[in-house]
Amino acid sequence: MTAEKAQRFLEQVLMPLWQIMPSQVLYHRGLEIQARYGFSFYDSLIVAAALESGATRLYSEDMQHGQQIEGLSIENPFRK
């Protein structure tokens, strides 16, 4: 990939996906979620980022379907 194509990819594909940047607050909230709900650290960071972004629904096959966390609903998209 040329530098020009890489720059275009960064701007058009990756940057729009970066809604929440890692911060000390995000990591603290992730640790609080981990302690309270027993999720793994990385799942807790995902939940913390979803909450920070204002999401109301999080799709995950690894977390408990139907669980509510501070207004965030966890849904398993593969549940029958």
N, C-alpha and C. Protein backbone atom coordinates (compact mmCIF):
# COMPACT_ATOMS: atom_id res chain seq x y z
N MET A 1 0.86 -1.17 0.00
CA MET A 1 0.00 0.00 0.00
C MET A 1 0.91 1.24 0.00
N THR A 2 0.60 2.15 -0.86
CA THR A 2 1.40 3.38 -0.91
C THR A 2 1.05 4.26 0.29
N ALA A 3 1.91 5.21 0.56
CA ALA A 3 1.63 6.14 1.67
C ALA A 3 0.35 6.92 1.42
N GLU A 4 0.11 7.29 0.18
CA GLU A 4 -1.11 8.03 -0.16
C GLU A 4 -2.36 7.19 0.08
N LYS A 5 -2.31 5.91 -0.33
CA LYS A 5 -3.46 5.02 -0.11
C LYS A 5 -3.65 4.74 1.38
N ALA A 6 -2.56 4.60 2.11
CA ALA A 6 -2.65 4.37 3.55
C ALA A 6 -3.28 5.58 4.24
N GLN A 7 -2.91 6.77 3.82
CA GLN A 7 -3.49 7.99 4.39
C GLN A 7 -4.99 8.05 4.11
N ARG A 8 -5.39 7.74 2.89
CA ARG A 8 -6.80 7.74 2.51
C ARG A 8 -7.57 6.70 3.32
N PHE A 9 -6.99 5.50 3.49
CA PHE A 9 -7.61 4.44 4.28
C PHE A 9 -7.80 4.89 5.72
N LEU A 10 -6.77 5.51 6.26
CA LEU A 10 -6.84 6.02 7.63
C LEU A 10 -7.98 7.02 7.78
N GLU A 11 -8.06 7.96 6.87
CA GLU A 11 -9.06 9.03 6.96
C GLU A 11 -10.48 8.55 6.65
N GLN A 12 -10.62 7.66 5.68
CA GLN A 12 -11.95 7.27 5.24
C GLN A 12 -12.51 6.05 5.95
N VAL A 13 -11.66 5.19 6.46
CA VAL A 13 -12.13 3.95 7.07
C VAL A 13 -11.89 3.92 8.58
N LEU A 14 -10.66 4.12 9.00
CA LEU A 14 -10.34 3.95 10.42
C LEU A 14 -10.82 5.10 11.30
N MET A 15 -10.54 6.32 10.89
CA MET A 15 -10.88 7.47 11.75
C MET A 15 -12.37 7.57 12.07
N PRO A 16 -13.27 7.30 11.13
CA PRO A 16 -14.70 7.33 11.49
C PRO A 16 -15.08 6.30 12.55
N LEU A 17 -14.29 5.23 12.68
CA LEU A 17 -14.58 4.20 13.69
C LEU A 17 -14.11 4.61 15.08
N TRP A 18 -13.23 5.59 15.17
CA TRP A 18 -12.66 6.01 16.46
C TRP A 18 -13.56 7.03 17.13
N GLN A 19 -14.66 6.58 17.66
CA GLN A 19 -15.59 7.49 18.33
C GLN A 19 -15.14 7.80 19.75
N ILE A 20 -14.54 6.84 20.41
CA ILE A 20 -14.09 6.99 21.79
C ILE A 20 -12.60 6.69 21.86
N MET A 21 -11.85 7.66 22.31
CA MET A 21 -10.41 7.48 22.44
C MET A 21 -10.10 6.97 23.86
N PRO A 22 -9.10 6.11 23.98
CA PRO A 22 -8.72 5.64 25.32
C PRO A 22 -8.31 6.81 26.20
N SER A 23 -8.72 6.75 27.43
CA SER A 23 -8.36 7.78 28.40
C SER A 23 -8.27 7.14 29.78
N GLN A 24 -7.71 7.87 30.69
CA GLN A 24 -7.63 7.38 32.07
C GLN A 24 -9.03 7.14 32.63
N VAL A 25 -9.95 8.02 32.32
CA VAL A 25 -11.34 7.88 32.79
C VAL A 25 -11.97 6.61 32.24
N LEU A 26 -11.73 6.32 30.96
CA LEU A 26 -12.29 5.12 30.34
C LEU A 26 -11.76 3.87 31.05
N TYR A 27 -10.46 3.84 31.32
CA TYR A 27 -9.89 2.67 32.00
C TYR A 27 -10.41 2.53 33.43
N HIS A 28 -10.58 3.64 34.13
CA HIS A 28 -11.15 3.57 35.48
C HIS A 28 -12.58 3.04 35.44
N ARG A 29 -13.35 3.53 34.49
CA ARG A 29 -14.74 3.06 34.37
C ARG A 29 -14.76 1.58 34.00
N GLY A 30 -13.85 1.16 33.13
CA GLY A 30 -13.74 -0.26 32.79
C GLY A 30 -13.44 -1.12 34.01
N LEU A 31 -12.54 -0.65 34.85
CA LEU A 31 -12.22 -1.39 36.08
C LEU A 31 -13.41 -1.45 37.03
N GLU A 32 -14.17 -0.37 37.11
CA GLU A 32 -15.37 -0.36 37.95
C GLU A 32 -16.40 -1.35 37.43
N ILE A 33 -16.58 -1.39 36.12
CA ILE A 33 -17.53 -2.33 35.51
C ILE A 33 -17.06 -3.77 35.73
N GLN A 34 -15.76 -3.99 35.59
CA GLN A 34 -15.22 -5.33 35.84
C GLN A 34 -15.50 -5.79 37.27
N ALA A 35 -15.25 -4.91 38.23
CA ALA A 35 -15.47 -5.27 39.64
C ALA A 35 -16.94 -5.51 39.93
N ARG A 36 -17.81 -4.70 39.35
CA ARG A 36 -19.24 -4.79 39.66
C ARG A 36 -19.94 -5.94 38.95
N TYR A 37 -19.60 -6.17 37.68
CA TYR A 37 -20.33 -7.16 36.88
C TYR A 37 -19.56 -8.44 36.61
N GLY A 38 -18.27 -8.47 36.92
CA GLY A 38 -17.49 -9.68 36.75
C GLY A 38 -17.07 -9.99 35.31
N PHE A 39 -17.17 -9.00 34.42
CA PHE A 39 -16.71 -9.19 33.05
C PHE A 39 -15.19 -9.25 33.02
N SER A 40 -14.65 -9.77 31.93
CA SER A 40 -13.21 -9.70 31.75
C SER A 40 -12.82 -8.23 31.59
N PHE A 41 -11.55 -7.94 31.72
CA PHE A 41 -11.09 -6.56 31.61
C PHE A 41 -11.42 -5.98 30.24
N TYR A 42 -11.18 -6.75 29.18
CA TYR A 42 -11.41 -6.24 27.83
C TYR A 42 -12.91 -6.06 27.55
N ASP A 43 -13.74 -6.98 28.01
CA ASP A 43 -15.18 -6.80 27.86
C ASP A 43 -15.65 -5.57 28.64
N SER A 44 -15.05 -5.35 29.78
CA SER A 44 -15.40 -4.17 30.59
C SER A 44 -15.04 -2.88 29.87
N LEU A 45 -13.91 -2.87 29.16
CA LEU A 45 -13.53 -1.70 28.37
C LEU A 45 -14.50 -1.47 27.23
N ILE A 46 -14.96 -2.54 26.61
CA ILE A 46 -15.95 -2.42 25.53
C ILE A 46 -17.23 -1.81 26.08
N VAL A 47 -17.69 -2.30 27.22
CA VAL A 47 -18.90 -1.75 27.84
C VAL A 47 -18.69 -0.29 28.21
N ALA A 48 -17.55 0.03 28.81
CA ALA A 48 -17.26 1.41 29.19
C ALA A 48 -17.26 2.33 27.97
N ALA A 49 -16.66 1.89 26.87
CA ALA A 49 -16.63 2.69 25.65
C ALA A 49 -18.03 2.86 25.07
N ALA A 50 -18.82 1.80 25.11
CA ALA A 50 -20.20 1.89 24.62
C ALA A 50 -20.99 2.90 25.45
N LEU A 51 -20.83 2.85 26.76
CA LEU A 51 -21.52 3.80 27.63
C LEU A 51 -21.06 5.23 27.36
N GLU A 52 -19.77 5.41 27.21
CA GLU A 52 -19.24 6.75 26.98
C GLU A 52 -19.73 7.32 25.64
N SER A 53 -19.94 6.45 24.67
CA SER A 53 -20.40 6.92 23.36
C SER A 53 -21.89 7.23 23.34
N GLY A 54 -22.59 6.81 24.39
CA GLY A 54 -24.03 7.05 24.44
C GLY A 54 -24.84 5.93 23.82
N ALA A 55 -24.20 4.80 23.53
CA ALA A 55 -24.92 3.67 22.94
C ALA A 55 -25.97 3.14 23.92
N THR A 56 -27.04 2.62 23.38
CA THR A 56 -28.09 2.02 24.20
C THR A 56 -28.16 0.51 24.00
N ARG A 57 -27.43 0.00 23.00
CA ARG A 57 -27.46 -1.42 22.69
C ARG A 57 -26.04 -1.87 22.34
N LEU A 58 -25.64 -3.03 22.90
CA LEU A 58 -24.33 -3.60 22.62
C LEU A 58 -24.54 -5.05 22.22
N TYR A 59 -24.09 -5.41 21.03
CA TYR A 59 -24.21 -6.78 20.56
C TYR A 59 -22.98 -7.57 20.98
N SER A 60 -23.21 -8.70 21.65
CA SER A 60 -22.12 -9.57 22.08
C SER A 60 -22.65 -10.97 22.29
N GLU A 61 -21.92 -11.94 21.78
CA GLU A 61 -22.31 -13.33 22.03
C GLU A 61 -21.67 -13.85 23.32
N ASP A 62 -20.75 -13.07 23.91
CA ASP A 62 -20.02 -13.52 25.09
C ASP A 62 -20.59 -13.02 26.41
N MET A 63 -21.41 -11.99 26.35
CA MET A 63 -21.97 -11.43 27.58
C MET A 63 -23.41 -11.90 27.75
N GLN A 64 -23.97 -11.67 28.91
CA GLN A 64 -25.31 -12.17 29.24
C GLN A 64 -26.38 -11.41 28.45
N HIS A 65 -27.11 -12.12 27.60
CA HIS A 65 -28.17 -11.52 26.81
C HIS A 65 -29.23 -10.91 27.73
N GLY A 66 -29.63 -9.70 27.42
CA GLY A 66 -30.67 -9.02 28.18
C GLY A 66 -30.18 -8.24 29.38
N GLN A 67 -28.92 -8.36 29.71
CA GLN A 67 -28.39 -7.62 30.86
C GLN A 67 -28.42 -6.12 30.59
N GLN A 68 -28.79 -5.36 31.59
CA GLN A 68 -28.84 -3.90 31.50
C GLN A 68 -27.73 -3.32 32.36
N ILE A 69 -26.95 -2.43 31.77
CA ILE A 69 -25.87 -1.77 32.50
C ILE A 69 -26.00 -0.28 32.24
N GLU A 70 -26.45 0.45 33.22
CA GLU A 70 -26.55 1.91 33.14
C GLU A 70 -27.22 2.38 31.85
N GLY A 71 -28.32 1.75 31.48
CA GLY A 71 -29.05 2.14 30.28
C GLY A 71 -28.58 1.46 29.01
N LEU A 72 -27.56 0.62 29.10
CA LEU A 72 -27.04 -0.12 27.96
C LEU A 72 -27.60 -1.54 28.01
N SER A 73 -28.21 -1.97 26.93
CA SER A 73 -28.78 -3.31 26.85
C SER A 73 -27.85 -4.21 26.05
N ILE A 74 -27.50 -5.34 26.63
CA ILE A 74 -26.63 -6.30 25.95
C ILE A 74 -27.49 -7.32 25.24
N GLU A 75 -27.22 -7.50 23.95
CA GLU A 75 -28.00 -8.44 23.15
C GLU A 75 -27.08 -9.40 22.40
N ASN A 76 -27.44 -10.68 22.41
CA ASN A 76 -26.71 -11.68 21.66
C ASN A 76 -27.36 -11.75 20.28
N PRO A 77 -26.65 -11.35 19.23
CA PRO A 77 -27.25 -11.34 17.90
C PRO A 77 -27.47 -12.74 17.33
N PHE A 78 -26.90 -13.77 17.96
CA PHE A 78 -27.03 -15.14 17.47
C PHE A 78 -28.03 -15.96 18.27
N ARG A 79 -28.66 -15.34 19.24
CA ARG A 79 -29.63 -16.05 20.09
C ARG A 79 -30.87 -16.38 19.28
N LYS A 80 -31.34 -17.57 19.44
CA LYS A 80 -32.53 -18.02 18.69
C LYS A 80 -33.76 -17.89 19.53
